[in-house]
């Protein structure tokens, strides 16, 4: 998928992904690829929030696709909405190279102890 992590902290994660190679048959960014990028960035944030002795497991994602992206890269910024002991939620905004919103997603991860 070509996801490249640019910045990572428990509060904010930034990553980018090429559109090329992640398109549907019509040549536009596949909605599933946007969800992969969103879940990847939110999960990194949740794992950092959880810490080294715990794990973060995605339990719910939703996404609204606002516009098509046809070339270049899209960038995702995951911002923590809630960081608790057992749940972490992130809003992920995906934009194109013109800084236009392509997708808005929300991811919730369960936080559990490592076995």
PDB file of N, CA and C in Angstrom:
ATOM      1  N   UNK A   1       0.838  -1.195   0.000  1.00  0.00           N
ATOM      2  CA  UNK A   1       0.000   0.000   0.000  1.00  0.00           C
ATOM      3  C   UNK A   1       0.878   1.251   0.000  1.00  0.00           C
ATOM      4  N   UNK A   2       2.128   1.114   0.430  1.00  0.00           N
ATOM      5  CA  UNK A   2       3.051   2.235   0.384  1.00  0.00           C
ATOM      6  C   UNK A   2       2.848   3.278   1.455  1.00  0.00           C
ATOM      7  N   UNK A   3       2.272   2.910   2.602  1.00  0.00           N
ATOM      8  CA  UNK A   3       2.051   3.866   3.690  1.00  0.00           C
ATOM      9  C   UNK A   3       3.396   4.250   4.292  1.00  0.00           C
ATOM     10  N   UNK A   4       3.613   5.543   4.415  1.00  0.00           N
ATOM     11  CA  UNK A   4       4.854   6.094   4.967  1.00  0.00           C
ATOM     12  C   UNK A   4       4.519   6.911   6.209  1.00  0.00           C
ATOM     13  N   UNK A   5       5.047   6.496   7.348  1.00  0.00           N
ATOM     14  CA  UNK A   5       4.812   7.191   8.619  1.00  0.00           C
ATOM     15  C   UNK A   5       5.711   8.425   8.678  1.00  0.00           C
ATOM     16  N   UNK A   6       5.123   9.594   8.919  1.00  0.00           N
ATOM     17  CA  UNK A   6       5.865  10.853   8.941  1.00  0.00           C
ATOM     18  C   UNK A   6       6.062  11.408  10.343  1.00  0.00           C
ATOM     19  N   UNK A   7       5.113  11.151  11.229  1.00  0.00           N
ATOM     20  CA  UNK A   7       5.140  11.702  12.586  1.00  0.00           C
ATOM     21  C   UNK A   7       4.296  10.788  13.467  1.00  0.00           C
ATOM     22  N   UNK A   8       4.751  10.560  14.700  1.00  0.00           N
ATOM     23  CA  UNK A   8       3.971   9.674  15.565  1.00  0.00           C
ATOM     24  C   UNK A   8       4.141  10.034  17.030  1.00  0.00           C
ATOM     25  N   UNK A   9       3.006  10.264  17.682  1.00  0.00           N
ATOM     26  CA  UNK A   9       2.939  10.447  19.129  1.00  0.00           C
ATOM     27  C   UNK A   9       1.577   9.914  19.554  1.00  0.00           C
ATOM     28  N   UNK A  10       1.345   9.719  20.847  1.00  0.00           N
ATOM     29  CA  UNK A  10       0.022   9.242  21.277  1.00  0.00           C
ATOM     30  C   UNK A  10      -1.115  10.202  20.911  1.00  0.00           C
ATOM     31  N   UNK A  11      -0.802  11.481  20.772  1.00  0.00           N
ATOM     32  CA  UNK A  11      -1.832  12.491  20.487  1.00  0.00           C
ATOM     33  C   UNK A  11      -2.076  12.705  18.998  1.00  0.00           C
ATOM     34  N   UNK A  12      -1.036  12.471  18.158  1.00  0.00           N
ATOM     35  CA  UNK A  12      -1.141  12.820  16.737  1.00  0.00           C
ATOM     36  C   UNK A  12      -0.210  11.935  15.918  1.00  0.00           C
ATOM     37  N   UNK A  13      -0.761  11.384  14.843  1.00  0.00           N
ATOM     38  CA  UNK A  13       0.024  10.562  13.921  1.00  0.00           C
ATOM     39  C   UNK A  13      -0.234  11.081  12.512  1.00  0.00           C
ATOM     40  N   UNK A  14       0.842  11.216  11.730  1.00  0.00           N
ATOM     41  CA  UNK A  14       0.738  11.674  10.345  1.00  0.00           C
ATOM     42  C   UNK A  14       1.402  10.636   9.443  1.00  0.00           C
ATOM     43  N   UNK A  15       0.705  10.272   8.374  1.00  0.00           N
ATOM     44  CA  UNK A  15       1.248   9.325   7.396  1.00  0.00           C
ATOM     45  C   UNK A  15       0.741   9.705   6.016  1.00  0.00           C
ATOM     46  N   UNK A  16       1.434   9.208   4.996  1.00  0.00           N
ATOM     47  CA  UNK A  16       0.965   9.447   3.634  1.00  0.00           C
ATOM     48  C   UNK A  16       1.026   8.158   2.841  1.00  0.00           C
ATOM     49  N   UNK A  17       0.285   8.160   1.733  1.00  0.00           N
ATOM     50  CA  UNK A  17       0.167   6.970   0.897  1.00  0.00           C
ATOM     51  C   UNK A  17      -0.005   7.412  -0.552  1.00  0.00           C
ATOM     52  N   UNK A  18       0.625   6.714  -1.495  1.00  0.00           N
ATOM     53  CA  UNK A  18       0.411   7.071  -2.898  1.00  0.00           C
ATOM     54  C   UNK A  18      -0.976   6.644  -3.373  1.00  0.00           C
ATOM     55  N   UNK A  19      -1.530   7.433  -4.268  1.00  0.00           N
ATOM     56  CA  UNK A  19      -2.797   7.053  -4.880  1.00  0.00           C
ATOM     57  C   UNK A  19      -2.546   5.919  -5.877  1.00  0.00           C
ATOM     58  N   UNK A  20      -1.477   6.047  -6.663  1.00  0.00           N
ATOM     59  CA  UNK A  20      -1.145   5.031  -7.664  1.00  0.00           C
ATOM     60  C   UNK A  20      -0.928   3.685  -6.973  1.00  0.00           C
ATOM     61  N   UNK A  21      -1.579   2.664  -7.503  1.00  0.00           N
ATOM     62  CA  UNK A  21      -1.491   1.342  -6.925  1.00  0.00           C
ATOM     63  C   UNK A  21      -2.564   1.071  -5.889  1.00  0.00           C
ATOM     64  N   UNK A  22      -3.313   2.089  -5.513  1.00  0.00           N
ATOM     65  CA  UNK A  22      -4.375   1.959  -4.510  1.00  0.00           C
ATOM     66  C   UNK A  22      -5.709   2.464  -5.052  1.00  0.00           C
ATOM     67  N   UNK A  23      -5.951   2.205  -6.319  1.00  0.00           N
ATOM     68  CA  UNK A  23      -7.159   2.726  -6.962  1.00  0.00           C
ATOM     69  C   UNK A  23      -8.151   1.615  -7.261  1.00  0.00           C
ATOM     70  N   UNK A  24      -9.391   2.026  -7.448  1.00  0.00           N
ATOM     71  CA  UNK A  24     -10.435   1.129  -7.915  1.00  0.00           C
ATOM     72  C   UNK A  24     -10.390   1.110  -9.443  1.00  0.00           C
ATOM     73  N   UNK A  25     -11.187   0.300 -10.104  1.00  0.00           N
ATOM     74  CA  UNK A  25     -11.113   0.207 -11.575  1.00  0.00           C
ATOM     75  C   UNK A  25     -11.334   1.529 -12.312  1.00  0.00           C
ATOM     76  N   UNK A  26     -11.967   2.513 -11.679  1.00  0.00           N
ATOM     77  CA  UNK A  26     -12.218   3.799 -12.331  1.00  0.00           C
ATOM     78  C   UNK A  26     -11.036   4.759 -12.234  1.00  0.00           C
ATOM     79  N   UNK A  27      -9.959   4.342 -11.577  1.00  0.00           N
ATOM     80  CA  UNK A  27      -8.766   5.178 -11.502  1.00  0.00           C
ATOM     81  C   UNK A  27      -8.745   6.159 -10.343  1.00  0.00           C
ATOM     82  N   UNK A  28      -9.681   6.030  -9.413  1.00  0.00           N
ATOM     83  CA  UNK A  28      -9.692   6.914  -8.242  1.00  0.00           C
ATOM     84  C   UNK A  28      -9.305   6.108  -7.001  1.00  0.00           C
ATOM     85  N   UNK A  29      -8.826   6.803  -5.988  1.00  0.00           N
ATOM     86  CA  UNK A  29      -8.414   6.156  -4.756  1.00  0.00           C
ATOM     87  C   UNK A  29      -9.531   5.267  -4.221  1.00  0.00           C
ATOM     88  N   UNK A  30      -9.210   4.045  -3.933  1.00  0.00           N
ATOM     89  CA  UNK A  30     -10.185   3.076  -3.420  1.00  0.00           C
ATOM     90  C   UNK A  30     -10.572   3.458  -1.992  1.00  0.00           C
ATOM     91  N   UNK A  31     -11.847   3.422  -1.676  1.00  0.00           N
ATOM     92  CA  UNK A  31     -12.303   3.735  -0.328  1.00  0.00           C
ATOM     93  C   UNK A  31     -11.698   2.815   0.714  1.00  0.00           C
ATOM     94  N   UNK A  32     -11.479   1.567   0.350  1.00  0.00           N
ATOM     95  CA  UNK A  32     -10.841   0.631   1.270  1.00  0.00           C
ATOM     96  C   UNK A  32      -9.410   1.023   1.572  1.00  0.00           C
ATOM     97  N   UNK A  33      -8.718   1.591   0.583  1.00  0.00           N
ATOM     98  CA  UNK A  33      -7.349   2.061   0.807  1.00  0.00           C
ATOM     99  C   UNK A  33      -7.351   3.231   1.789  1.00  0.00           C
ATOM    100  N   UNK A  34      -8.336   4.111   1.685  1.00  0.00           N
ATOM    101  CA  UNK A  34      -8.464   5.202   2.654  1.00  0.00           C
ATOM    102  C   UNK A  34      -8.666   4.638   4.055  1.00  0.00           C
ATOM    103  N   UNK A  35      -9.468   3.578   4.164  1.00  0.00           N
ATOM    104  CA  UNK A  35      -9.699   2.955   5.472  1.00  0.00           C
ATOM    105  C   UNK A  35      -8.427   2.301   6.007  1.00  0.00           C
ATOM    106  N   UNK A  36      -7.640   1.697   5.129  1.00  0.00           N
ATOM    107  CA  UNK A  36      -6.356   1.125   5.563  1.00  0.00           C
ATOM    108  C   UNK A  36      -5.456   2.220   6.113  1.00  0.00           C
ATOM    109  N   UNK A  37      -5.365   3.337   5.406  1.00  0.00           N
ATOM    110  CA  UNK A  37      -4.535   4.454   5.865  1.00  0.00           C
ATOM    111  C   UNK A  37      -5.057   5.000   7.188  1.00  0.00           C
ATOM    112  N   UNK A  38      -6.366   5.146   7.304  1.00  0.00           N
ATOM    113  CA  UNK A  38      -6.963   5.664   8.541  1.00  0.00           C
ATOM    114  C   UNK A  38      -6.700   4.712   9.705  1.00  0.00           C
ATOM    115  N   UNK A  39      -6.940   3.421   9.497  1.00  0.00           N
ATOM    116  CA  UNK A  39      -6.738   2.471  10.592  1.00  0.00           C
ATOM    117  C   UNK A  39      -5.260   2.352  10.948  1.00  0.00           C
ATOM    118  N   UNK A  40      -4.395   2.452   9.972  1.00  0.00           N
ATOM    119  CA  UNK A  40      -2.956   2.390  10.250  1.00  0.00           C
ATOM    120  C   UNK A  40      -2.515   3.547  11.135  1.00  0.00           C
ATOM    121  N   UNK A  41      -2.931   4.755  10.808  1.00  0.00           N
ATOM    122  CA  UNK A  41      -2.494   5.910  11.592  1.00  0.00           C
ATOM    123  C   UNK A  41      -3.128   5.904  12.981  1.00  0.00           C
ATOM    124  N   UNK A  42      -4.426   5.640  13.057  1.00  0.00           N
ATOM    125  CA  UNK A  42      -5.090   5.607  14.361  1.00  0.00           C
ATOM    126  C   UNK A  42      -4.559   4.496  15.249  1.00  0.00           C
ATOM    127  N   UNK A  43      -4.255   3.349  14.667  1.00  0.00           N
ATOM    128  CA  UNK A  43      -3.731   2.228  15.447  1.00  0.00           C
ATOM    129  C   UNK A  43      -2.338   2.513  15.998  1.00  0.00           C
ATOM    130  N   UNK A  44      -1.518   3.204  15.221  1.00  0.00           N
ATOM    131  CA  UNK A  44      -0.196   3.591  15.732  1.00  0.00           C
ATOM    132  C   UNK A  44      -0.359   4.503  16.946  1.00  0.00           C
ATOM    133  N   UNK A  45      -1.239   5.496  16.832  1.00  0.00           N
ATOM    134  CA  UNK A  45      -1.488   6.390  17.963  1.00  0.00           C
ATOM    135  C   UNK A  45      -1.989   5.640  19.183  1.00  0.00           C
ATOM    136  N   UNK A  46      -2.928   4.716  18.971  1.00  0.00           N
ATOM    137  CA  UNK A  46      -3.487   3.955  20.085  1.00  0.00           C
ATOM    138  C   UNK A  46      -2.427   3.060  20.724  1.00  0.00           C
ATOM    139  N   UNK A  47      -1.566   2.469  19.926  1.00  0.00           N
ATOM    140  CA  UNK A  47      -0.491   1.624  20.463  1.00  0.00           C
ATOM    141  C   UNK A  47       0.489   2.458  21.279  1.00  0.00           C
ATOM    142  N   UNK A  48       0.799   3.653  20.817  1.00  0.00           N
ATOM    143  CA  UNK A  48       1.679   4.538  21.582  1.00  0.00           C
ATOM    144  C   UNK A  48       1.005   4.972  22.876  1.00  0.00           C
ATOM    145  N   UNK A  49      -0.296   5.249  22.813  1.00  0.00           N
ATOM    146  CA  UNK A  49      -1.050   5.603  24.013  1.00  0.00           C
ATOM    147  C   UNK A  49      -1.060   4.432  25.001  1.00  0.00           C
ATOM    148  N   UNK A  50      -1.243   3.219  24.496  1.00  0.00           N
ATOM    149  CA  UNK A  50      -1.330   2.036  25.350  1.00  0.00           C
ATOM    150  C   UNK A  50      -0.027   1.776  26.095  1.00  0.00           C
ATOM    151  N   UNK A  51       1.092   2.026  25.451  1.00  0.00           N
ATOM    152  CA  UNK A  51       2.383   1.799  26.087  1.00  0.00           C
ATOM    153  C   UNK A  51       2.931   0.410  25.802  1.00  0.00           C
ATOM    154  N   UNK A  52       4.154   0.148  26.204  1.00  0.00           N
ATOM    155  CA  UNK A  52       4.839  -1.092  25.819  1.00  0.00           C
ATOM    156  C   UNK A  52       4.281  -2.372  26.443  1.00  0.00           C
ATOM    157  N   UNK A  53       3.564  -2.287  27.545  1.00  0.00           N
ATOM    158  CA  UNK A  53       3.044  -3.481  28.207  1.00  0.00           C
ATOM    159  C   UNK A  53       1.602  -3.801  27.843  1.00  0.00           C
ATOM    160  N   UNK A  54       1.037  -3.013  26.902  1.00  0.00           N
ATOM    161  CA  UNK A  54      -0.362  -3.214  26.519  1.00  0.00           C
ATOM    162  C   UNK A  54      -0.458  -3.232  24.999  1.00  0.00           C
ATOM    163  N   UNK A  55      -1.578  -3.683  24.478  1.00  0.00           N
ATOM    164  CA  UNK A  55      -1.801  -3.718  23.037  1.00  0.00           C
ATOM    165  C   UNK A  55      -3.082  -2.963  22.699  1.00  0.00           C
ATOM    166  N   UNK A  56      -3.140  -2.469  21.475  1.00  0.00           N
ATOM    167  CA  UNK A  56      -4.325  -1.770  20.975  1.00  0.00           C
ATOM    168  C   UNK A  56      -4.915  -2.581  19.824  1.00  0.00           C
ATOM    169  N   UNK A  57      -6.205  -2.838  19.886  1.00  0.00           N
ATOM    170  CA  UNK A  57      -6.907  -3.637  18.882  1.00  0.00           C
ATOM    171  C   UNK A  57      -8.070  -2.830  18.315  1.00  0.00           C
ATOM    172  N   UNK A  58      -8.071  -2.612  17.007  1.00  0.00           N
ATOM    173  CA  UNK A  58      -9.167  -1.882  16.386  1.00  0.00           C
ATOM    174  C   UNK A  58     -10.482  -2.620  16.564  1.00  0.00           C
ATOM    175  N   UNK A  59     -11.512  -1.906  17.035  1.00  0.00           N
ATOM    176  CA  UNK A  59     -12.822  -2.543  17.212  1.00  0.00           C
ATOM    177  C   UNK A  59     -13.925  -1.876  16.395  1.00  0.00           C
ATOM    178  N   UNK A  60     -13.666  -0.657  15.898  1.00  0.00           N
ATOM    179  CA  UNK A  60     -14.691   0.025  15.093  1.00  0.00           C
ATOM    180  C   UNK A  60     -14.022   1.095  14.253  1.00  0.00           C
ATOM    181  N   UNK A  61     -14.406   1.147  12.977  1.00  0.00           N
ATOM    182  CA  UNK A  61     -13.954   2.228  12.094  1.00  0.00           C
ATOM    183  C   UNK A  61     -15.136   2.653  11.235  1.00  0.00           C
ATOM    184  N   UNK A  62     -15.240   3.946  10.998  1.00  0.00           N
ATOM    185  CA  UNK A  62     -16.204   4.435  10.019  1.00  0.00           C
ATOM    186  C   UNK A  62     -15.515   5.497   9.184  1.00  0.00           C
ATOM    187  N   UNK A  63     -15.986   5.669   7.982  1.00  0.00           N
ATOM    188  CA  UNK A  63     -15.347   6.618   7.076  1.00  0.00           C
ATOM    189  C   UNK A  63     -16.376   7.255   6.161  1.00  0.00           C
ATOM    190  N   UNK A  64     -16.214   8.549   5.951  1.00  0.00           N
ATOM    191  CA  UNK A  64     -17.004   9.275   4.973  1.00  0.00           C
ATOM    192  C   UNK A  64     -16.054   9.733   3.878  1.00  0.00           C
ATOM    193  N   UNK A  65     -16.353   9.360   2.650  1.00  0.00           N
ATOM    194  CA  UNK A  65     -15.510   9.712   1.506  1.00  0.00           C
ATOM    195  C   UNK A  65     -16.106  10.965   0.857  1.00  0.00           C
ATOM    196  N   UNK A  66     -15.348  12.053   0.895  1.00  0.00           N
ATOM    197  CA  UNK A  66     -15.858  13.353   0.453  1.00  0.00           C
ATOM    198  C   UNK A  66     -15.586  13.651  -1.018  1.00  0.00           C
ATOM    199  N   UNK A  67     -14.421  13.246  -1.510  1.00  0.00           N
ATOM    200  CA  UNK A  67     -14.059  13.550  -2.891  1.00  0.00           C
ATOM    201  C   UNK A  67     -13.071  12.508  -3.377  1.00  0.00           C
ATOM    202  N   UNK A  68     -12.908  12.431  -4.678  1.00  0.00           N
ATOM    203  CA  UNK A  68     -11.982  11.466  -5.273  1.00  0.00           C
ATOM    204  C   UNK A  68     -10.570  12.043  -5.306  1.00  0.00           C
ATOM    205  N   UNK A  69      -9.599  11.152  -5.159  1.00  0.00           N
ATOM    206  CA  UNK A  69      -8.193  11.501  -5.394  1.00  0.00           C
ATOM    207  C   UNK A  69      -7.734  10.618  -6.550  1.00  0.00           C
ATOM    208  N   UNK A  70      -7.030  11.207  -7.526  1.00  0.00           N
ATOM    209  CA  UNK A  70      -6.657  10.456  -8.728  1.00  0.00           C
ATOM    210  C   UNK A  70      -5.156  10.367  -8.958  1.00  0.00           C
ATOM    211  N   UNK A  71      -4.366  11.150  -8.223  1.00  0.00           N
ATOM    212  CA  UNK A  71      -2.918  11.112  -8.448  1.00  0.00           C
ATOM    213  C   UNK A  71      -2.195  11.635  -7.208  1.00  0.00           C
ATOM    214  N   UNK A  72      -0.890  11.492  -7.223  1.00  0.00           N
ATOM    215  CA  UNK A  72      -0.072  12.012  -6.131  1.00  0.00           C
ATOM    216  C   UNK A  72      -0.201  11.173  -4.880  1.00  0.00           C
ATOM    217  N   UNK A  73      -0.157  11.839  -3.748  1.00  0.00           N
ATOM    218  CA  UNK A  73      -0.261  11.193  -2.438  1.00  0.00           C
ATOM    219  C   UNK A  73      -1.440  11.777  -1.673  1.00  0.00           C
ATOM    220  N   UNK A  74      -1.955  10.996  -0.744  1.00  0.00           N
ATOM    221  CA  UNK A  74      -2.909  11.507   0.241  1.00  0.00           C
ATOM    222  C   UNK A  74      -2.217  11.433   1.604  1.00  0.00           C
ATOM    223  N   UNK A  75      -2.572  12.377   2.466  1.00  0.00           N
ATOM    224  CA  UNK A  75      -1.968  12.460   3.794  1.00  0.00           C
ATOM    225  C   UNK A  75      -3.048  12.309   4.845  1.00  0.00           C
ATOM    226  N   UNK A  76      -2.769  11.483   5.847  1.00  0.00           N
ATOM    227  CA  UNK A  76      -3.699  11.269   6.954  1.00  0.00           C
ATOM    228  C   UNK A  76      -3.123  11.883   8.218  1.00  0.00           C
ATOM    229  N   UNK A  77      -3.973  12.600   8.944  1.00  0.00           N
ATOM    230  CA  UNK A  77      -3.617  13.125  10.266  1.00  0.00           C
ATOM    231  C   UNK A  77      -4.616  12.543  11.258  1.00  0.00           C
ATOM    232  N   UNK A  78      -4.109  11.703  12.158  1.00  0.00           N
ATOM    233  CA  UNK A  78      -4.940  11.093  13.191  1.00  0.00           C
ATOM    234  C   UNK A  78      -4.759  11.884  14.478  1.00  0.00           C
ATOM    235  N   UNK A  79      -5.857  12.384  15.017  1.00  0.00           N
ATOM    236  CA  UNK A  79      -5.836  13.172  16.251  1.00  0.00           C
ATOM    237  C   UNK A  79      -6.632  12.433  17.317  1.00  0.00           C
ATOM    238  N   UNK A  80      -6.027  12.256  18.488  1.00  0.00           N
ATOM    239  CA  UNK A  80      -6.706  11.526  19.553  1.00  0.00           C
ATOM    240  C   UNK A  80      -7.903  12.314  20.069  1.00  0.00           C
ATOM    241  N   UNK A  81      -9.043  11.654  20.127  1.00  0.00           N
ATOM    242  CA  UNK A  81     -10.261  12.230  20.681  1.00  0.00           C
ATOM    243  C   UNK A  81     -10.445  11.815  22.131  1.00  0.00           C
ATOM    244  N   UNK A  82     -10.073  10.567  22.423  1.00  0.00           N
ATOM    245  CA  UNK A  82     -10.209  10.022  23.777  1.00  0.00           C
ATOM    246  C   UNK A  82      -9.090   9.032  24.010  1.00  0.00           C
ATOM    247  N   UNK A  83      -8.430   9.142  25.128  1.00  0.00           N
ATOM    248  CA  UNK A  83      -7.387   8.201  25.493  1.00  0.00           C
ATOM    249  C   UNK A  83      -7.599   7.724  26.914  1.00  0.00           C
ATOM    250  N   UNK A  84      -8.274   6.613  27.048  1.00  0.00           N
ATOM    251  CA  UNK A  84      -8.553   6.075  28.369  1.00  0.00           C
ATOM    252  C   UNK A  84      -7.746   4.829  28.664  1.00  0.00           C
ATOM    253  N   UNK A  85      -8.111   4.167  29.745  1.00  0.00           N
ATOM    254  CA  UNK A  85      -7.408   2.959  30.154  1.00  0.00           C
ATOM    255  C   UNK A  85      -7.774   1.765  29.275  1.00  0.00           C
ATOM    256  N   UNK A  86      -9.025   1.716  28.782  1.00  0.00           N
ATOM    257  CA  UNK A  86      -9.465   0.561  28.005  1.00  0.00           C
ATOM    258  C   UNK A  86      -9.868   0.887  26.570  1.00  0.00           C
ATOM    259  N   UNK A  87     -10.016   2.173  26.242  1.00  0.00           N
ATOM    260  CA  UNK A  87     -10.375   2.580  24.877  1.00  0.00           C
ATOM    261  C   UNK A  87      -9.593   3.814  24.466  1.00  0.00           C
ATOM    262  N   UNK A  88      -9.281   3.876  23.171  1.00  0.00           N
ATOM    263  CA  UNK A  88      -8.700   5.090  22.582  1.00  0.00           C
ATOM    264  C   UNK A  88      -9.409   5.328  21.251  1.00  0.00           C
ATOM    265  N   UNK A  89      -9.816   6.578  21.006  1.00  0.00           N
ATOM    266  CA  UNK A  89     -10.497   6.927  19.761  1.00  0.00           C
ATOM    267  C   UNK A  89      -9.757   8.054  19.062  1.00  0.00           C
ATOM    268  N   UNK A  90      -9.714   7.964  17.738  1.00  0.00           N
ATOM    269  CA  UNK A  90      -9.007   8.942  16.912  1.00  0.00           C
ATOM    270  C   UNK A  90      -9.889   9.397  15.764  1.00  0.00           C
ATOM    271  N   UNK A  91      -9.784  10.692  15.451  1.00  0.00           N
ATOM    272  CA  UNK A  91     -10.360  11.214  14.221  1.00  0.00           C
ATOM    273  C   UNK A  91      -9.225  11.273  13.217  1.00  0.00           C
ATOM    274  N   UNK A  92      -9.480  10.777  12.022  1.00  0.00           N
ATOM    275  CA  UNK A  92      -8.461  10.768  10.981  1.00  0.00           C
ATOM    276  C   UNK A  92      -8.986  11.564   9.792  1.00  0.00           C
ATOM    277  N   UNK A  93      -8.244  12.596   9.422  1.00  0.00           N
ATOM    278  CA  UNK A  93      -8.599  13.424   8.271  1.00  0.00           C
ATOM    279  C   UNK A  93      -7.581  13.137   7.174  1.00  0.00           C
ATOM    280  N   UNK A  94      -8.077  12.726   6.018  1.00  0.00           N
ATOM    281  CA  UNK A  94      -7.227  12.425   4.866  1.00  0.00           C
ATOM    282  C   UNK A  94      -7.431  13.521   3.828  1.00  0.00           C
ATOM    283  N   UNK A  95      -6.317  14.105   3.385  1.00  0.00           N
ATOM    284  CA  UNK A  95      -6.372  15.195   2.403  1.00  0.00           C
ATOM    285  C   UNK A  95      -5.499  14.863   1.197  1.00  0.00           C
ATOM    286  N   UNK A  96      -5.800  15.535   0.077  1.00  0.00           N
ATOM    287  CA  UNK A  96      -4.984  15.371  -1.127  1.00  0.00           C
ATOM    288  C   UNK A  96      -3.859  16.398  -1.133  1.00  0.00           C
ATOM    289  N   UNK A  97      -3.101  16.441  -2.197  1.00  0.00           N
ATOM    290  CA  UNK A  97      -1.947  17.344  -2.269  1.00  0.00           C
ATOM    291  C   UNK A  97      -2.342  18.817  -2.356  1.00  0.00           C
ATOM    292  N   UNK A  98      -3.617  19.091  -2.642  1.00  0.00           N
ATOM    293  CA  UNK A  98      -4.127  20.470  -2.647  1.00  0.00           C
ATOM    294  C   UNK A  98      -4.775  20.811  -1.304  1.00  0.00           C
ATOM    295  N   UNK A  99      -4.567  19.970  -0.307  1.00  0.00           N
ATOM    296  CA  UNK A  99      -5.113  20.131   1.045  1.00  0.00           C
ATOM    297  C   UNK A  99      -6.645  20.100   1.073  1.00  0.00           C
ATOM    298  N   UNK A 100      -7.232  19.393   0.099  1.00  0.00           N
ATOM    299  CA  UNK A 100      -8.686  19.202   0.078  1.00  0.00           C
ATOM    300  C   UNK A 100      -9.016  17.907   0.808  1.00  0.00           C
ATOM    301  N   UNK A 101     -10.062  17.931   1.619  1.00  0.00           N
ATOM    302  CA  UNK A 101     -10.446  16.759   2.399  1.00  0.00           C
ATOM    303  C   UNK A 101     -11.003  15.683   1.472  1.00  0.00           C
ATOM    304  N   UNK A 102     -10.385  14.529   1.529  1.00  0.00           N
ATOM    305  CA  UNK A 102     -10.792  13.372   0.740  1.00  0.00           C
ATOM    306  C   UNK A 102     -11.677  12.445   1.574  1.00  0.00           C
ATOM    307  N   UNK A 103     -11.340  12.296   2.846  1.00  0.00           N
ATOM    308  CA  UNK A 103     -12.037  11.349   3.701  1.00  0.00           C
ATOM    309  C   UNK A 103     -11.918  11.776   5.164  1.00  0.00           C
ATOM    310  N   UNK A 104     -12.958  11.540   5.930  1.00  0.00           N
ATOM    311  CA  UNK A 104     -12.924  11.707   7.379  1.00  0.00           C
ATOM    312  C   UNK A 104     -13.297  10.365   7.989  1.00  0.00           C
ATOM    313  N   UNK A 105     -12.456   9.880   8.896  1.00  0.00           N
ATOM    314  CA  UNK A 105     -12.711   8.586   9.528  1.00  0.00           C
ATOM    315  C   UNK A 105     -12.602   8.722  11.041  1.00  0.00           C
ATOM    316  N   UNK A 106     -13.190   7.758  11.734  1.00  0.00           N
ATOM    317  CA  UNK A 106     -13.026   7.663  13.188  1.00  0.00           C
ATOM    318  C   UNK A 106     -12.729   6.218  13.512  1.00  0.00           C
ATOM    319  N   UNK A 107     -11.720   6.012  14.342  1.00  0.00           N
ATOM    320  CA  UNK A 107     -11.302   4.676  14.748  1.00  0.00           C
ATOM    321  C   UNK A 107     -11.329   4.568  16.269  1.00  0.00           C
ATOM    322  N   UNK A 108     -11.881   3.468  16.761  1.00  0.00           N
ATOM    323  CA  UNK A 108     -11.830   3.168  18.197  1.00  0.00           C
ATOM    324  C   UNK A 108     -11.055   1.871  18.382  1.00  0.00           C
ATOM    325  N   UNK A 109     -10.113   1.908  19.297  1.00  0.00           N
ATOM    326  CA  UNK A 109      -9.305   0.733  19.625  1.00  0.00           C
ATOM    327  C   UNK A 109      -9.521   0.351  21.085  1.00  0.00           C
ATOM    328  N   UNK A 110      -9.633  -0.948  21.328  1.00  0.00           N
ATOM    329  CA  UNK A 110      -9.647  -1.474  22.684  1.00  0.00           C
ATOM    330  C   UNK A 110      -8.197  -1.614  23.133  1.00  0.00           C
ATOM    331  N   UNK A 111      -7.956  -1.310  24.393  1.00  0.00           N
ATOM    332  CA  UNK A 111      -6.609  -1.437  24.957  1.00  0.00           C
ATOM    333  C   UNK A 111      -6.634  -2.563  25.982  1.00  0.00           C
ATOM    334  N   UNK A 112      -5.752  -3.519  25.793  1.00  0.00           N
ATOM    335  CA  UNK A 112      -5.706  -4.702  26.635  1.00  0.00           C
ATOM    336  C   UNK A 112      -4.273  -4.961  27.105  1.00  0.00           C
ATOM    337  N   UNK A 113      -4.158  -5.702  28.198  1.00  0.00           N
ATOM    338  CA  UNK A 113      -2.838  -6.132  28.672  1.00  0.00           C
ATOM    339  C   UNK A 113      -2.272  -7.173  27.707  1.00  0.00           C
ATOM    340  N   UNK A 114      -0.957  -7.158  27.551  1.00  0.00           N
ATOM    341  CA  UNK A 114      -0.298  -8.221  26.776  1.00  0.00           C
ATOM    342  C   UNK A 114      -0.411  -9.520  27.558  1.00  0.00           C
ATOM    343  N   UNK A 115      -0.563 -10.605  26.847  1.00  0.00           N
ATOM    344  CA  UNK A 115      -0.631 -11.914  27.512  1.00  0.00           C
ATOM    345  C   UNK A 115       0.751 -12.481  27.700  1.00  0.00           C
TER     346      UNK A 115
END
